[in-house]
């Protein structure tokens, strides 16, 4: 299980005298179980990509705790544990070295030629492609190579960061079907991170909703969304997040149900039933 406990991440912006900090993640807690399909949704700027980097052990949080299969991750063991979580990036062409053949790329994950050819067949690619370079492949083929690389690394968890956004609709469908087939026995933990609400809802057993670096809702069924932001997101009506910061709810500026209390107090995640949590005073 990948478990995050109240993690924070901030980045510097500006130079020298105008330097300031941006809080990208604020006390984010979540868990991803092996065999589960987990979704994380939110608009651009919500902190999804930063969350992906931390979950895939490419960087550590500034505060909080991350553990993989019960072991806490720190700078000493981070490198050794990194292969447990594989990452499939948004644009496959940028994650594959254009100077290397497909075979050389896959051999970085596993040198066994028979194993490489077997996995290549699993992801629907011909072994004749092994001697080609990424720019000689289509976008869908490049994404299949990226998936094959994670499989060859024997990763237990796959993180898909906006994995279909660079693909045309027909290719998206084929990649989604491929993923469903690969994990039909639920051998892996799949984590789908996207702004595509319908796609994530279709693929996921459980969904976290991220807004301005905070989890505002956790649910197993987006059809019964409760947080005002989630409802607006499902309708596709959310615009660019503003930079206004107050002591209260992060969605205050846009919320159609806002109260005076929302401006002054920060709502906590509240458990609603057995499988839902929501950060909103409407359900106090």
C-alpha atoms as a PDB file:
ATOM      1  CA  UNK A   1       0.000   0.000   0.000  1.00  0.00           C
ATOM      2  CA  UNK A   2       1.128   3.546  -0.755  1.00  0.00           C
ATOM      3  CA  UNK A   3       0.157   5.751   2.164  1.00  0.00           C
ATOM      4  CA  UNK A   4       0.523   9.517   2.510  1.00  0.00           C
ATOM      5  CA  UNK A   5      -0.041  11.165   5.871  1.00  0.00           C
ATOM      6  CA  UNK A   6      -0.610  14.929   5.917  1.00  0.00           C
ATOM      7  CA  UNK A   7       2.059  15.791   3.361  1.00  0.00           C
ATOM      8  CA  UNK A   8       3.009  19.355   2.463  1.00  0.00           C
ATOM      9  CA  UNK A   9       4.970  20.634  -0.514  1.00  0.00           C
ATOM     10  CA  UNK A  10       5.918  24.187  -1.383  1.00  0.00           C
ATOM     11  CA  UNK A  11       8.054  25.724  -4.111  1.00  0.00           C
ATOM     12  CA  UNK A  12       9.921  28.987  -4.396  1.00  0.00           C
ATOM     13  CA  UNK A  13       8.943  31.533  -7.002  1.00  0.00           C
ATOM     14  CA  UNK A  14      10.509  34.846  -7.917  1.00  0.00           C
ATOM     15  CA  UNK A  15      14.118  35.908  -7.577  1.00  0.00           C
ATOM     16  CA  UNK A  16      16.126  37.333  -4.697  1.00  0.00           C
ATOM     17  CA  UNK A  17      14.245  40.354  -3.276  1.00  0.00           C
ATOM     18  CA  UNK A  18      10.864  39.301  -4.738  1.00  0.00           C
ATOM     19  CA  UNK A  19      11.177  35.655  -3.696  1.00  0.00           C
ATOM     20  CA  UNK A  20       8.042  34.023  -2.279  1.00  0.00           C
ATOM     21  CA  UNK A  21       6.633  30.532  -1.754  1.00  0.00           C
ATOM     22  CA  UNK A  22       3.708  28.674  -3.251  1.00  0.00           C
ATOM     23  CA  UNK A  23       2.018  25.960  -1.196  1.00  0.00           C
ATOM     24  CA  UNK A  24       1.257  23.263  -3.764  1.00  0.00           C
ATOM     25  CA  UNK A  25       0.095  20.489  -1.400  1.00  0.00           C
ATOM     26  CA  UNK A  26      -1.435  21.125   2.018  1.00  0.00           C
ATOM     27  CA  UNK A  27      -1.878  18.240   4.454  1.00  0.00           C
ATOM     28  CA  UNK A  28      -2.785  15.675   1.806  1.00  0.00           C
ATOM     29  CA  UNK A  29      -3.537  12.212   3.195  1.00  0.00           C
ATOM     30  CA  UNK A  30      -4.493   9.248   1.011  1.00  0.00           C
ATOM     31  CA  UNK A  31      -3.819   5.581   0.430  1.00  0.00           C
ATOM     32  CA  UNK A  32      -3.551   3.428  -2.681  1.00  0.00           C
ATOM     33  CA  UNK A  33      -3.906  -0.319  -2.270  1.00  0.00           C
ATOM     34  CA  UNK A  34      -2.457  -3.069  -4.438  1.00  0.00           C
ATOM     35  CA  UNK A  35      -5.139  -4.470  -6.709  1.00  0.00           C
ATOM     36  CA  UNK A  36      -7.149  -1.260  -6.541  1.00  0.00           C
ATOM     37  CA  UNK A  37      -7.868   1.271  -9.278  1.00  0.00           C
ATOM     38  CA  UNK A  38      -7.592   4.691  -7.649  1.00  0.00           C
ATOM     39  CA  UNK A  39      -8.500   7.995  -9.276  1.00  0.00           C
ATOM     40  CA  UNK A  40      -7.264  11.502  -8.499  1.00  0.00           C
ATOM     41  CA  UNK A  41      -9.042  14.364 -10.269  1.00  0.00           C
ATOM     42  CA  UNK A  42      -8.768  18.126 -10.258  1.00  0.00           C
ATOM     43  CA  UNK A  43      -8.294  20.994 -12.658  1.00  0.00           C
ATOM     44  CA  UNK A  44      -4.941  22.355 -13.813  1.00  0.00           C
ATOM     45  CA  UNK A  45      -2.946  23.814 -10.922  1.00  0.00           C
ATOM     46  CA  UNK A  46      -4.590  21.631  -8.273  1.00  0.00           C
ATOM     47  CA  UNK A  47      -1.285  19.936  -7.401  1.00  0.00           C
ATOM     48  CA  UNK A  48      -1.839  16.633  -9.231  1.00  0.00           C
ATOM     49  CA  UNK A  49       1.567  16.443 -10.927  1.00  0.00           C
ATOM     50  CA  UNK A  50       3.410  17.256  -7.699  1.00  0.00           C
ATOM     51  CA  UNK A  51       1.407  14.568  -5.941  1.00  0.00           C
ATOM     52  CA  UNK A  52       2.410  12.112  -8.698  1.00  0.00           C
ATOM     53  CA  UNK A  53       6.096  12.926  -8.235  1.00  0.00           C
ATOM     54  CA  UNK A  54       5.898  12.325  -4.512  1.00  0.00           C
ATOM     55  CA  UNK A  55       3.916   9.078  -4.831  1.00  0.00           C
ATOM     56  CA  UNK A  56       6.403   7.792  -7.428  1.00  0.00           C
ATOM     57  CA  UNK A  57       9.303   8.728  -5.106  1.00  0.00           C
ATOM     58  CA  UNK A  58      10.838  11.221  -7.524  1.00  0.00           C
ATOM     59  CA  UNK A  59      10.849  13.728  -4.667  1.00  0.00           C
ATOM     60  CA  UNK A  60       9.975  13.877  -0.986  1.00  0.00           C
ATOM     61  CA  UNK A  61       7.414  16.090   0.746  1.00  0.00           C
ATOM     62  CA  UNK A  62       8.576  19.020   2.878  1.00  0.00           C
ATOM     63  CA  UNK A  63       6.449  17.788   5.766  1.00  0.00           C
ATOM     64  CA  UNK A  64       4.394  14.678   6.427  1.00  0.00           C
ATOM     65  CA  UNK A  65       5.046  11.008   5.881  1.00  0.00           C
ATOM     66  CA  UNK A  66       4.995   8.646   2.920  1.00  0.00           C
ATOM     67  CA  UNK A  67       5.254   4.873   3.282  1.00  0.00           C
ATOM     68  CA  UNK A  68       5.338   2.041   0.734  1.00  0.00           C
ATOM     69  CA  UNK A  69       4.105  -1.383   1.865  1.00  0.00           C
ATOM     70  CA  UNK A  70       4.459  -0.317   5.493  1.00  0.00           C
ATOM     71  CA  UNK A  71       7.992   1.095   5.244  1.00  0.00           C
ATOM     72  CA  UNK A  72       8.542   4.823   5.769  1.00  0.00           C
ATOM     73  CA  UNK A  73      10.350   6.524   2.909  1.00  0.00           C
ATOM     74  CA  UNK A  74      13.287   8.842   3.518  1.00  0.00           C
ATOM     75  CA  UNK A  75      16.346  10.032   1.607  1.00  0.00           C
ATOM     76  CA  UNK A  76      18.309   6.919   2.566  1.00  0.00           C
ATOM     77  CA  UNK A  77      15.905   4.320   1.143  1.00  0.00           C
ATOM     78  CA  UNK A  78      14.151   6.437  -1.483  1.00  0.00           C
ATOM     79  CA  UNK A  79      16.307   5.232  -4.393  1.00  0.00           C
ATOM     80  CA  UNK A  80      15.967   1.549  -3.492  1.00  0.00           C
ATOM     81  CA  UNK A  81      12.178   1.745  -3.242  1.00  0.00           C
ATOM     82  CA  UNK A  82      11.615   3.857  -6.345  1.00  0.00           C
ATOM     83  CA  UNK A  83      11.091   0.894  -8.684  1.00  0.00           C
ATOM     84  CA  UNK A  84       8.064  -0.303  -6.711  1.00  0.00           C
ATOM     85  CA  UNK A  85       6.075   2.589  -8.176  1.00  0.00           C
ATOM     86  CA  UNK A  86       6.189   3.090 -11.952  1.00  0.00           C
ATOM     87  CA  UNK A  87       5.193   6.264 -13.742  1.00  0.00           C
ATOM     88  CA  UNK A  88       3.546   6.633 -17.152  1.00  0.00           C
ATOM     89  CA  UNK A  89       3.805  10.267 -18.154  1.00  0.00           C
ATOM     90  CA  UNK A  90       1.444  12.556 -20.023  1.00  0.00           C
ATOM     91  CA  UNK A  91       3.512  12.790 -23.206  1.00  0.00           C
ATOM     92  CA  UNK A  92       5.313   9.521 -23.987  1.00  0.00           C
ATOM     93  CA  UNK A  93       7.615  11.196 -26.525  1.00  0.00           C
ATOM     94  CA  UNK A  94       9.277  13.247 -23.771  1.00  0.00           C
ATOM     95  CA  UNK A  95       9.772  10.262 -21.456  1.00  0.00           C
ATOM     96  CA  UNK A  96      11.578   8.166 -24.090  1.00  0.00           C
ATOM     97  CA  UNK A  97      15.139   8.966 -25.158  1.00  0.00           C
ATOM     98  CA  UNK A  98      15.043   9.730 -28.894  1.00  0.00           C
ATOM     99  CA  UNK A  99      18.661   8.563 -29.314  1.00  0.00           C
ATOM    100  CA  UNK A 100      17.995   5.084 -27.936  1.00  0.00           C
ATOM    101  CA  UNK A 101      16.291   2.178 -29.664  1.00  0.00           C
ATOM    102  CA  UNK A 102      13.188   0.725 -28.043  1.00  0.00           C
ATOM    103  CA  UNK A 103      15.212  -2.349 -27.091  1.00  0.00           C
ATOM    104  CA  UNK A 104      17.849  -0.253 -25.298  1.00  0.00           C
ATOM    105  CA  UNK A 105      15.118   1.691 -23.501  1.00  0.00           C
ATOM    106  CA  UNK A 106      13.418  -1.471 -22.263  1.00  0.00           C
ATOM    107  CA  UNK A 107      16.718  -3.079 -21.298  1.00  0.00           C
ATOM    108  CA  UNK A 108      17.200  -0.314 -18.751  1.00  0.00           C
ATOM    109  CA  UNK A 109      14.292  -1.918 -16.893  1.00  0.00           C
ATOM    110  CA  UNK A 110      15.044  -5.586 -17.665  1.00  0.00           C
ATOM    111  CA  UNK A 111      17.885  -7.134 -19.670  1.00  0.00           C
ATOM    112  CA  UNK A 112      16.132 -10.453 -20.309  1.00  0.00           C
ATOM    113  CA  UNK A 113      15.328 -10.483 -24.048  1.00  0.00           C
ATOM    114  CA  UNK A 114      12.692 -13.226 -23.738  1.00  0.00           C
ATOM    115  CA  UNK A 115      10.929 -11.294 -20.992  1.00  0.00           C
ATOM    116  CA  UNK A 116      11.034  -8.120 -23.087  1.00  0.00           C
ATOM    117  CA  UNK A 117       9.429  -9.859 -26.071  1.00  0.00           C
ATOM    118  CA  UNK A 118       6.759 -11.401 -23.851  1.00  0.00           C
ATOM    119  CA  UNK A 119       5.816  -8.056 -22.315  1.00  0.00           C
ATOM    120  CA  UNK A 120       5.890  -6.428 -25.737  1.00  0.00           C
ATOM    121  CA  UNK A 121       3.293  -8.957 -26.865  1.00  0.00           C
ATOM    122  CA  UNK A 122       1.207  -8.225 -23.728  1.00  0.00           C
ATOM    123  CA  UNK A 123       1.001  -4.536 -24.620  1.00  0.00           C
ATOM    124  CA  UNK A 124       0.188  -5.274 -28.272  1.00  0.00           C
ATOM    125  CA  UNK A 125       3.479  -4.378 -29.947  1.00  0.00           C
ATOM    126  CA  UNK A 126       5.441  -6.341 -32.539  1.00  0.00           C
ATOM    127  CA  UNK A 127       9.023  -7.312 -31.670  1.00  0.00           C
ATOM    128  CA  UNK A 128      10.126  -5.777 -34.977  1.00  0.00           C
ATOM    129  CA  UNK A 129       9.711  -2.387 -33.293  1.00  0.00           C
ATOM    130  CA  UNK A 130      12.575  -3.102 -30.894  1.00  0.00           C
ATOM    131  CA  UNK A 131      15.173  -1.738 -33.312  1.00  0.00           C
ATOM    132  CA  UNK A 132      13.253   1.464 -33.988  1.00  0.00           C
ATOM    133  CA  UNK A 133      13.577   4.779 -32.156  1.00  0.00           C
ATOM    134  CA  UNK A 134      10.699   6.603 -30.409  1.00  0.00           C
ATOM    135  CA  UNK A 135      10.214   9.176 -33.192  1.00  0.00           C
ATOM    136  CA  UNK A 136       9.530   6.327 -35.635  1.00  0.00           C
ATOM    137  CA  UNK A 137       6.530   5.183 -33.559  1.00  0.00           C
ATOM    138  CA  UNK A 138       3.017   6.579 -33.301  1.00  0.00           C
ATOM    139  CA  UNK A 139       1.809   8.227 -30.101  1.00  0.00           C
ATOM    140  CA  UNK A 140      -0.130   5.114 -29.120  1.00  0.00           C
ATOM    141  CA  UNK A 141       2.884   2.883 -29.730  1.00  0.00           C
ATOM    142  CA  UNK A 142       5.079   5.194 -27.652  1.00  0.00           C
ATOM    143  CA  UNK A 143       2.599   5.004 -24.772  1.00  0.00           C
ATOM    144  CA  UNK A 144       2.574   1.203 -25.004  1.00  0.00           C
ATOM    145  CA  UNK A 145       6.381   1.220 -24.776  1.00  0.00           C
ATOM    146  CA  UNK A 146       6.123   3.392 -21.642  1.00  0.00           C
ATOM    147  CA  UNK A 147       3.676   0.897 -20.119  1.00  0.00           C
ATOM    148  CA  UNK A 148       5.921  -2.025 -21.101  1.00  0.00           C
ATOM    149  CA  UNK A 149       8.865  -0.350 -19.376  1.00  0.00           C
ATOM    150  CA  UNK A 150       6.962  -0.172 -16.093  1.00  0.00           C
ATOM    151  CA  UNK A 151       5.876  -3.813 -16.427  1.00  0.00           C
ATOM    152  CA  UNK A 152       9.463  -4.889 -17.056  1.00  0.00           C
ATOM    153  CA  UNK A 153      10.636  -3.054 -13.942  1.00  0.00           C
ATOM    154  CA  UNK A 154       8.318  -5.322 -11.890  1.00  0.00           C
ATOM    155  CA  UNK A 155       6.550  -2.332 -10.405  1.00  0.00           C
ATOM    156  CA  UNK A 156       3.668  -3.051  -8.056  1.00  0.00           C
ATOM    157  CA  UNK A 157       1.941   0.291  -8.592  1.00  0.00           C
ATOM    158  CA  UNK A 158       1.433   2.238 -11.829  1.00  0.00           C
ATOM    159  CA  UNK A 159       0.783   5.981 -11.807  1.00  0.00           C
ATOM    160  CA  UNK A 160      -0.793   7.314 -15.008  1.00  0.00           C
ATOM    161  CA  UNK A 161      -0.413  11.107 -15.135  1.00  0.00           C
ATOM    162  CA  UNK A 162      -2.812  12.512 -17.767  1.00  0.00           C
ATOM    163  CA  UNK A 163      -1.840   9.444 -19.781  1.00  0.00           C
ATOM    164  CA  UNK A 164      -4.374   9.909 -22.605  1.00  0.00           C
ATOM    165  CA  UNK A 165      -4.304  13.690 -23.073  1.00  0.00           C
ATOM    166  CA  UNK A 166      -1.692  13.558 -25.880  1.00  0.00           C
ATOM    167  CA  UNK A 167      -3.569  10.828 -27.788  1.00  0.00           C
ATOM    168  CA  UNK A 168      -6.457  10.948 -30.241  1.00  0.00           C
ATOM    169  CA  UNK A 169      -9.816   9.519 -29.169  1.00  0.00           C
ATOM    170  CA  UNK A 170      -9.508   6.157 -30.914  1.00  0.00           C
ATOM    171  CA  UNK A 171      -6.002   5.608 -29.511  1.00  0.00           C
ATOM    172  CA  UNK A 172      -7.229   6.599 -26.037  1.00  0.00           C
ATOM    173  CA  UNK A 173      -9.871   3.873 -26.232  1.00  0.00           C
ATOM    174  CA  UNK A 174      -7.346   1.224 -27.222  1.00  0.00           C
ATOM    175  CA  UNK A 175      -4.950   2.218 -24.418  1.00  0.00           C
ATOM    176  CA  UNK A 176      -7.765   2.139 -21.836  1.00  0.00           C
ATOM    177  CA  UNK A 177      -8.831  -1.324 -23.022  1.00  0.00           C
ATOM    178  CA  UNK A 178      -5.204  -2.458 -22.833  1.00  0.00           C
ATOM    179  CA  UNK A 179      -4.894  -1.305 -19.215  1.00  0.00           C
ATOM    180  CA  UNK A 180      -8.100  -3.075 -18.233  1.00  0.00           C
ATOM    181  CA  UNK A 181      -6.765  -6.256 -19.825  1.00  0.00           C
ATOM    182  CA  UNK A 182      -3.326  -5.987 -18.169  1.00  0.00           C
ATOM    183  CA  UNK A 183      -4.863  -5.675 -14.714  1.00  0.00           C
ATOM    184  CA  UNK A 184      -7.865  -7.962 -15.149  1.00  0.00           C
ATOM    185  CA  UNK A 185      -6.554 -10.119 -12.287  1.00  0.00           C
ATOM    186  CA  UNK A 186      -5.840  -7.038 -10.162  1.00  0.00           C
ATOM    187  CA  UNK A 187      -2.156  -7.896  -9.745  1.00  0.00           C
ATOM    188  CA  UNK A 188      -1.185  -4.215  -9.679  1.00  0.00           C
ATOM    189  CA  UNK A 189      -2.326  -1.008  -8.064  1.00  0.00           C
ATOM    190  CA  UNK A 190      -3.351   1.502 -10.761  1.00  0.00           C
ATOM    191  CA  UNK A 191      -3.516   5.221  -9.976  1.00  0.00           C
ATOM    192  CA  UNK A 192      -5.174   7.393 -12.625  1.00  0.00           C
ATOM    193  CA  UNK A 193      -4.463  11.126 -12.308  1.00  0.00           C
ATOM    194  CA  UNK A 194      -6.337  13.389 -14.689  1.00  0.00           C
ATOM    195  CA  UNK A 195      -8.651  16.319 -15.267  1.00  0.00           C
ATOM    196  CA  UNK A 196     -10.771  13.970 -17.411  1.00  0.00           C
ATOM    197  CA  UNK A 197     -13.500  13.261 -14.864  1.00  0.00           C
ATOM    198  CA  UNK A 198     -15.484  10.806 -16.983  1.00  0.00           C
ATOM    199  CA  UNK A 199     -12.444   8.677 -17.800  1.00  0.00           C
ATOM    200  CA  UNK A 200     -11.240   8.503 -14.196  1.00  0.00           C
ATOM    201  CA  UNK A 201     -14.752   7.757 -12.957  1.00  0.00           C
ATOM    202  CA  UNK A 202     -15.043   4.871 -15.445  1.00  0.00           C
ATOM    203  CA  UNK A 203     -11.683   3.335 -14.510  1.00  0.00           C
ATOM    204  CA  UNK A 204     -11.565   3.850 -10.742  1.00  0.00           C
ATOM    205  CA  UNK A 205     -12.893   2.010  -7.707  1.00  0.00           C
ATOM    206  CA  UNK A 206     -12.336   5.059  -5.527  1.00  0.00           C
ATOM    207  CA  UNK A 207     -11.673   8.730  -6.332  1.00  0.00           C
ATOM    208  CA  UNK A 208      -9.972  11.604  -4.522  1.00  0.00           C
ATOM    209  CA  UNK A 209     -10.863  15.156  -5.567  1.00  0.00           C
ATOM    210  CA  UNK A 210      -8.024  17.676  -5.301  1.00  0.00           C
ATOM    211  CA  UNK A 211      -8.489  21.457  -5.238  1.00  0.00           C
ATOM    212  CA  UNK A 212      -5.739  24.012  -4.559  1.00  0.00           C
ATOM    213  CA  UNK A 213      -3.536  21.352  -3.003  1.00  0.00           C
ATOM    214  CA  UNK A 214      -6.197  19.936  -0.669  1.00  0.00           C
ATOM    215  CA  UNK A 215      -8.326  16.795  -0.772  1.00  0.00           C
ATOM    216  CA  UNK A 216     -11.897  18.098  -0.719  1.00  0.00           C
ATOM    217  CA  UNK A 217     -13.686  14.796  -1.271  1.00  0.00           C
ATOM    218  CA  UNK A 218     -13.139  11.039  -1.352  1.00  0.00           C
ATOM    219  CA  UNK A 219     -15.845   8.905  -2.905  1.00  0.00           C
ATOM    220  CA  UNK A 220     -16.519   5.573  -4.580  1.00  0.00           C
ATOM    221  CA  UNK A 221     -19.163   7.023  -6.868  1.00  0.00           C
ATOM    222  CA  UNK A 222     -18.894  10.466  -8.468  1.00  0.00           C
ATOM    223  CA  UNK A 223     -22.582  10.267  -9.372  1.00  0.00           C
ATOM    224  CA  UNK A 224     -23.223  11.041  -5.705  1.00  0.00           C
ATOM    225  CA  UNK A 225     -20.689  13.854  -5.334  1.00  0.00           C
ATOM    226  CA  UNK A 226     -21.254  16.058  -2.296  1.00  0.00           C
ATOM    227  CA  UNK A 227     -18.639  18.808  -2.284  1.00  0.00           C
ATOM    228  CA  UNK A 228     -19.676  21.940  -4.248  1.00  0.00           C
ATOM    229  CA  UNK A 229     -16.360  21.915  -6.137  1.00  0.00           C
ATOM    230  CA  UNK A 230     -16.806  18.294  -7.229  1.00  0.00           C
ATOM    231  CA  UNK A 231     -20.309  19.068  -8.480  1.00  0.00           C
ATOM    232  CA  UNK A 232     -19.057  22.031 -10.492  1.00  0.00           C
ATOM    233  CA  UNK A 233     -16.118  19.997 -11.821  1.00  0.00           C
ATOM    234  CA  UNK A 234     -18.481  17.286 -13.057  1.00  0.00           C
ATOM    235  CA  UNK A 235     -20.404  19.915 -15.016  1.00  0.00           C
ATOM    236  CA  UNK A 236     -17.176  21.258 -16.514  1.00  0.00           C
ATOM    237  CA  UNK A 237     -17.950  24.769 -15.312  1.00  0.00           C
ATOM    238  CA  UNK A 238     -14.833  25.490 -13.230  1.00  0.00           C
ATOM    239  CA  UNK A 239     -12.588  28.267 -14.521  1.00  0.00           C
ATOM    240  CA  UNK A 240      -9.065  29.226 -13.511  1.00  0.00           C
ATOM    241  CA  UNK A 241      -8.419  29.060  -9.776  1.00  0.00           C
ATOM    242  CA  UNK A 242      -7.779  32.492  -8.278  1.00  0.00           C
ATOM    243  CA  UNK A 243      -4.817  33.391  -6.067  1.00  0.00           C
ATOM    244  CA  UNK A 244      -6.973  34.762  -3.259  1.00  0.00           C
ATOM    245  CA  UNK A 245      -6.030  33.211   0.057  1.00  0.00           C
ATOM    246  CA  UNK A 246      -8.174  33.304   3.174  1.00  0.00           C
ATOM    247  CA  UNK A 247      -8.173  31.462   6.457  1.00  0.00           C
ATOM    248  CA  UNK A 248     -11.247  29.463   5.506  1.00  0.00           C
ATOM    249  CA  UNK A 249     -12.388  27.201   2.677  1.00  0.00           C
ATOM    250  CA  UNK A 250     -10.181  27.221  -0.420  1.00  0.00           C
ATOM    251  CA  UNK A 251     -13.275  27.114  -2.669  1.00  0.00           C
ATOM    252  CA  UNK A 252     -14.945  30.087  -0.954  1.00  0.00           C
ATOM    253  CA  UNK A 253     -14.605  32.526  -3.888  1.00  0.00           C
ATOM    254  CA  UNK A 254     -16.503  30.268  -6.303  1.00  0.00           C
ATOM    255  CA  UNK A 255     -18.856  28.342  -4.031  1.00  0.00           C
ATOM    256  CA  UNK A 256     -22.575  28.995  -4.664  1.00  0.00           C
ATOM    257  CA  UNK A 257     -23.355  27.881  -1.080  1.00  0.00           C
ATOM    258  CA  UNK A 258     -20.714  29.934   0.757  1.00  0.00           C
ATOM    259  CA  UNK A 259     -21.459  31.210   4.233  1.00  0.00           C
ATOM    260  CA  UNK A 260     -19.652  33.717   6.438  1.00  0.00           C
ATOM    261  CA  UNK A 261     -18.241  30.825   8.413  1.00  0.00           C
ATOM    262  CA  UNK A 262     -16.583  29.444   5.286  1.00  0.00           C
ATOM    263  CA  UNK A 263     -14.474  32.589   4.929  1.00  0.00           C
ATOM    264  CA  UNK A 264     -13.084  32.440   8.457  1.00  0.00           C
ATOM    265  CA  UNK A 265     -12.810  28.738   9.282  1.00  0.00           C
ATOM    266  CA  UNK A 266     -11.045  25.890   7.473  1.00  0.00           C
ATOM    267  CA  UNK A 267     -13.406  22.882   7.140  1.00  0.00           C
ATOM    268  CA  UNK A 268     -11.983  19.463   7.972  1.00  0.00           C
ATOM    269  CA  UNK A 269     -12.553  16.254   6.065  1.00  0.00           C
ATOM    270  CA  UNK A 270     -15.654  14.702   7.564  1.00  0.00           C
ATOM    271  CA  UNK A 271     -16.579  11.041   7.164  1.00  0.00           C
ATOM    272  CA  UNK A 272     -20.013  10.544   5.625  1.00  0.00           C
ATOM    273  CA  UNK A 273     -21.099   6.931   5.831  1.00  0.00           C
ATOM    274  CA  UNK A 274     -18.623   4.122   5.283  1.00  0.00           C
ATOM    275  CA  UNK A 275     -16.949   5.135   2.031  1.00  0.00           C
ATOM    276  CA  UNK A 276     -17.062   8.906   1.668  1.00  0.00           C
ATOM    277  CA  UNK A 277     -15.272  11.924   3.120  1.00  0.00           C
ATOM    278  CA  UNK A 278     -16.016  15.553   2.316  1.00  0.00           C
ATOM    279  CA  UNK A 279     -14.442  18.869   3.364  1.00  0.00           C
ATOM    280  CA  UNK A 280     -17.485  21.137   3.681  1.00  0.00           C
ATOM    281  CA  UNK A 281     -19.519  22.824   6.424  1.00  0.00           C
ATOM    282  CA  UNK A 282     -22.749  21.948   4.593  1.00  0.00           C
ATOM    283  CA  UNK A 283     -22.537  18.489   6.141  1.00  0.00           C
ATOM    284  CA  UNK A 284     -21.803  19.428   9.747  1.00  0.00           C
END
